[in-house]
Amino acid sequence: MDKPTLTSATELARANTAQFPNENADYRQARNALLAEEIELRRHIARVAEMRRRLPPGGEVTGRYVFEGEQGAMSLADLFAGKETLAIYSFMFGPQRQAICPMCTSFMNVWDDKIPALTERIAIAFVARSPIARIVALKKERGWTRMPLYSDPSGDYTRDYVSKTDADMPGYAVFTRRDGIIRHFWSGEMSGAMADPGQDPRGAPDFDPLWTLLDTTPEGRGDWYPKLTY
């Protein structure tokens, strides 16, 4: 099926009828120019997502990864929980770390409430290197109630799909299971070396809506970082 021809973003923005009290012509002109860019951004996000969905089959998972969960040992296949797709977020809470990473915590605070919705379509798991007892204690401390948390006690999964140097790093990976074969589908691969000048290293898309909200404000992100307590 041929893709529909899209009306140009500039033309769509020009037809915008929004107007707010006491704004002047300069503001409206600049705002409509920004609106055209926002429409283009939305379209670019959709194009990137489509490219991602059309990736060729990734590498078959042959490692025998064993995770420790609240209910005991589980294989990678077990984490699929009957779904065809599994997302794993690896958070920074290694055994040498005194406290969980505040940035990871910011992500996970949001995701805990989204678990019921996410698991309507996919399976999801959150993995760290610390022993499961320590991770469960963290879960209670943070007030997380829905998040499926696991330990990677051997570090084999983490070394293969997060950090080959065994560093305590965050990572996000998606796996598929089709006809009994588990394959790696996609992982975030943007590193700090890929950051633009003056930009805090980050991937795209941003998983934490915190940053999206701050991007709509005149203060922006600045050099502020979330904390574990306020």
Protein backbone atom coordinates (compact mmCIF):
# COMPACT_ATOMS: atom_id res chain seq x y z
CA MET A 1 0.00 0.00 0.00
CA ASP A 2 1.34 3.41 -1.00
CA LYS A 3 1.95 5.82 1.84
CA PRO A 4 -0.37 8.84 1.88
CA THR A 5 1.04 12.16 0.78
CA LEU A 6 1.52 14.35 3.81
CA THR A 7 0.56 18.00 3.91
CA SER A 8 3.66 20.06 4.59
CA ALA A 9 4.29 20.93 8.21
CA THR A 10 4.51 24.61 7.30
CA GLU A 11 1.08 24.52 5.68
CA LEU A 12 -0.44 22.73 8.66
CA ALA A 13 1.10 25.24 11.05
CA ARG A 14 -0.12 28.15 8.92
CA ALA A 15 -3.70 26.86 9.36
CA ASN A 16 -3.31 26.86 13.15
CA THR A 17 -6.08 28.89 14.80
CA ALA A 18 -4.74 28.84 18.36
CA GLN A 19 -4.29 32.24 19.98
CA PHE A 20 -3.91 33.25 23.59
CA PRO A 21 -4.74 36.46 25.47
CA ASN A 22 -2.46 39.47 24.86
CA GLU A 23 0.04 37.70 22.59
CA ASN A 24 1.55 39.88 19.87
CA ALA A 25 2.18 39.19 16.20
CA ASP A 26 5.88 38.41 16.75
CA TYR A 27 4.99 35.72 19.28
CA ARG A 28 2.41 34.14 16.99
CA GLN A 29 4.78 34.12 14.02
CA ALA A 30 7.55 32.51 16.05
CA ARG A 31 5.12 30.06 17.66
CA ASN A 32 3.77 28.88 14.31
CA ALA A 33 7.31 28.44 13.01
CA LEU A 34 8.03 26.32 16.08
CA LEU A 35 4.79 24.39 15.53
CA ALA A 36 5.97 23.41 12.05
CA GLU A 37 9.18 22.04 13.57
CA GLU A 38 7.18 20.17 16.22
CA ILE A 39 5.10 18.53 13.48
CA GLU A 40 8.30 17.54 11.68
CA LEU A 41 9.70 16.14 14.93
CA ARG A 42 6.57 14.05 15.44
CA ARG A 43 6.92 12.69 11.92
CA HIS A 44 10.61 11.97 12.38
CA ILE A 45 9.92 10.06 15.60
CA ALA A 46 7.35 7.97 13.70
CA ARG A 47 9.83 7.30 10.87
CA VAL A 48 12.54 6.19 13.29
CA ALA A 49 10.08 3.90 15.10
CA GLU A 50 9.10 2.34 11.77
CA MET A 51 12.77 1.79 10.86
CA ARG A 52 13.27 0.10 14.21
CA ARG A 53 10.31 -2.23 13.66
CA ARG A 54 11.72 -3.21 10.25
CA LEU A 55 15.16 -4.24 11.51
CA PRO A 56 16.33 -7.61 10.18
CA PRO A 57 16.32 -10.47 12.70
CA GLY A 58 18.91 -9.88 15.41
CA GLY A 59 21.34 -12.40 16.82
CA GLU A 60 19.95 -15.58 18.32
CA VAL A 61 20.33 -15.75 22.09
CA THR A 62 22.35 -18.84 22.90
CA GLY A 63 23.60 -17.94 26.37
CA ARG A 64 22.04 -19.78 29.31
CA TYR A 65 21.24 -16.76 31.45
CA VAL A 66 19.87 -17.41 34.92
CA PHE A 67 18.25 -14.62 36.92
CA GLU A 68 17.19 -14.60 40.55
CA GLY A 69 13.72 -13.19 41.18
CA GLU A 70 11.50 -12.91 44.21
CA GLN A 71 10.11 -16.35 43.39
CA GLY A 72 13.47 -18.01 42.69
CA ALA A 73 15.66 -18.74 39.69
CA MET A 74 14.34 -17.95 36.19
CA SER A 75 15.76 -18.29 32.70
CA LEU A 76 15.55 -15.61 30.03
CA ALA A 77 12.78 -17.63 28.39
CA ASP A 78 10.86 -17.59 31.69
CA LEU A 79 10.95 -13.79 31.74
CA PHE A 80 8.80 -13.71 28.58
CA ALA A 81 5.84 -14.80 30.73
CA GLY A 82 3.96 -16.10 27.70
CA LYS A 83 4.55 -12.98 25.57
CA GLU A 84 6.42 -12.77 22.26
CA THR A 85 8.44 -9.68 23.24
CA LEU A 86 10.50 -8.96 26.34
CA ALA A 87 12.05 -5.64 27.36
CA ILE A 88 14.78 -5.61 30.00
CA TYR A 89 15.97 -2.47 31.73
CA SER A 90 19.30 -2.91 33.51
CA PHE A 91 19.61 -0.41 36.34
CA MET A 92 22.68 0.80 38.17
CA PHE A 93 22.60 -0.99 41.51
CA GLY A 94 25.69 -3.17 41.56
CA PRO A 95 26.90 -4.82 44.78
CA GLN A 96 29.59 -2.16 45.29
CA ARG A 97 27.12 0.72 44.93
CA GLN A 98 25.87 2.17 48.23
CA ALA A 99 22.63 3.47 46.72
CA ILE A 100 20.76 3.06 43.46
CA CYS A 101 21.48 5.58 40.68
CA PRO A 102 19.13 8.59 40.98
CA MET A 103 18.61 8.72 37.19
CA CYS A 104 17.61 5.05 37.06
CA THR A 105 15.31 5.66 40.01
CA SER A 106 13.64 8.54 38.21
CA PHE A 107 12.87 6.27 35.24
CA MET A 108 11.67 3.41 37.40
CA ASN A 109 9.41 5.55 39.58
CA VAL A 110 7.38 6.32 36.47
CA TRP A 111 7.45 2.83 35.00
CA ASP A 112 6.15 1.12 38.15
CA ASP A 113 2.68 2.57 37.52
CA LYS A 114 2.83 1.58 33.83
CA ILE A 115 3.50 -2.13 34.38
CA PRO A 116 -0.18 -3.21 34.13
CA ALA A 117 -0.52 -1.38 30.80
CA LEU A 118 2.84 -2.53 29.41
CA THR A 119 2.21 -6.18 30.21
CA GLU A 120 -0.96 -6.12 28.15
CA ARG A 121 1.36 -6.18 25.12
CA ILE A 122 4.87 -7.20 26.22
CA ALA A 123 6.81 -8.68 29.11
CA ILE A 124 9.20 -6.44 31.00
CA ALA A 125 11.89 -7.05 33.60
CA PHE A 126 14.28 -4.88 35.60
CA VAL A 127 17.71 -6.32 36.30
CA ALA A 128 20.65 -5.33 38.51
CA ARG A 129 23.83 -7.04 39.67
CA SER A 130 23.13 -6.87 43.42
CA PRO A 131 21.82 -9.96 45.26
CA ILE A 132 18.06 -10.36 45.03
CA ALA A 133 17.57 -9.79 48.77
CA ARG A 134 19.15 -6.36 48.44
CA ILE A 135 17.03 -5.59 45.38
CA VAL A 136 13.83 -6.62 47.19
CA ALA A 137 14.77 -4.36 50.11
CA LEU A 138 15.24 -1.52 47.62
CA LYS A 139 11.82 -2.24 46.12
CA LYS A 140 10.19 -1.85 49.52
CA GLU A 141 12.21 1.26 50.31
CA ARG A 142 11.16 2.97 47.05
CA GLY A 143 7.52 1.89 47.34
CA TRP A 144 7.51 -0.03 44.07
CA THR A 145 4.72 -2.58 44.02
CA ARG A 146 4.32 -3.77 40.41
CA MET A 147 7.84 -3.86 39.01
CA PRO A 148 9.31 -7.34 38.31
CA LEU A 149 12.86 -7.10 39.66
CA TYR A 150 15.67 -9.58 39.14
CA SER A 151 19.31 -10.12 39.99
CA ASP A 152 21.92 -11.14 37.42
CA PRO A 153 24.15 -12.97 39.93
CA SER A 154 26.71 -14.32 37.45
CA GLY A 155 26.83 -11.10 35.43
CA ASP A 156 26.72 -13.10 32.20
CA TYR A 157 23.67 -11.31 30.81
CA THR A 158 25.01 -7.90 31.81
CA ARG A 159 28.37 -8.50 30.14
CA ASP A 160 26.75 -9.70 26.92
CA TYR A 161 24.01 -7.09 26.55
CA VAL A 162 24.89 -4.09 28.74
CA SER A 163 28.61 -3.64 29.48
CA LYS A 164 31.36 -5.87 28.17
CA THR A 165 33.72 -4.31 30.72
CA ASP A 166 31.45 -5.42 33.58
CA ALA A 167 30.91 -1.78 34.57
CA ASP A 168 27.80 -0.81 36.55
CA MET A 169 25.98 0.76 33.62
CA PRO A 170 22.33 1.21 32.63
CA GLY A 171 21.01 -0.56 29.58
CA TYR A 172 17.79 -1.29 27.75
CA ALA A 173 17.36 -4.31 25.48
CA VAL A 174 14.41 -5.83 23.66
CA PHE A 175 14.17 -9.52 22.79
CA THR A 176 11.71 -11.50 20.70
CA ARG A 177 10.62 -15.11 20.80
CA ARG A 178 9.25 -16.47 17.55
CA ASP A 179 8.78 -20.20 16.85
CA GLY A 180 10.67 -20.96 20.04
CA ILE A 181 13.77 -18.98 19.02
CA ILE A 182 14.83 -16.03 21.18
CA ARG A 183 16.61 -13.21 19.38
CA HIS A 184 17.96 -9.83 20.33
CA PHE A 185 15.80 -7.19 18.63
CA TRP A 186 17.13 -3.78 19.69
CA SER A 187 19.20 -2.08 22.37
CA GLY A 188 19.97 1.54 23.10
CA GLU A 189 23.44 2.12 21.63
CA MET A 190 24.05 5.85 22.11
CA SER A 191 27.10 6.39 24.27
CA GLY A 192 28.59 9.46 25.88
CA ALA A 193 31.01 9.66 22.96
CA MET A 194 28.03 10.36 20.69
CA ALA A 195 26.77 13.37 22.67
CA ASP A 196 26.71 16.70 20.87
CA PRO A 197 28.87 19.55 22.26
CA GLY A 198 27.40 21.02 25.42
CA GLN A 199 24.82 18.25 25.68
CA ASP A 200 24.49 15.87 28.57
CA PRO A 201 24.98 12.32 27.24
CA ARG A 202 21.64 10.68 26.60
CA GLY A 203 19.90 8.41 24.18
CA ALA A 204 16.77 8.89 22.14
CA PRO A 205 13.97 8.54 22.75
CA ASP A 206 14.02 9.70 26.37
CA PHE A 207 12.34 7.07 28.51
CA ASP A 208 11.73 9.45 31.40
CA PRO A 209 8.91 11.98 30.79
CA LEU A 210 10.64 14.22 33.33
CA TRP A 211 12.95 15.49 30.59
CA THR A 212 10.17 15.90 28.04
CA LEU A 213 8.23 18.06 30.47
CA LEU A 214 11.26 20.18 31.33
CA ASP A 215 11.92 20.68 27.60
CA THR A 216 8.58 22.54 27.37
CA THR A 217 9.71 25.16 29.91
CA PRO A 218 11.94 28.25 29.56
CA GLU A 219 14.34 26.77 32.14
CA GLY A 220 14.77 23.58 30.14
CA ARG A 221 16.87 20.75 31.56
CA GLY A 222 19.80 22.91 32.61
CA ASP A 223 22.47 21.10 34.59
CA TRP A 224 19.96 19.75 37.11
CA TYR A 225 19.74 16.05 37.99
CA PRO A 226 17.07 14.15 39.93
CA LYS A 227 17.80 13.07 43.51
CA LEU A 228 16.80 10.09 45.58
CA THR A 229 15.16 12.34 48.17
CA TYR A 230 13.98 15.96 48.21
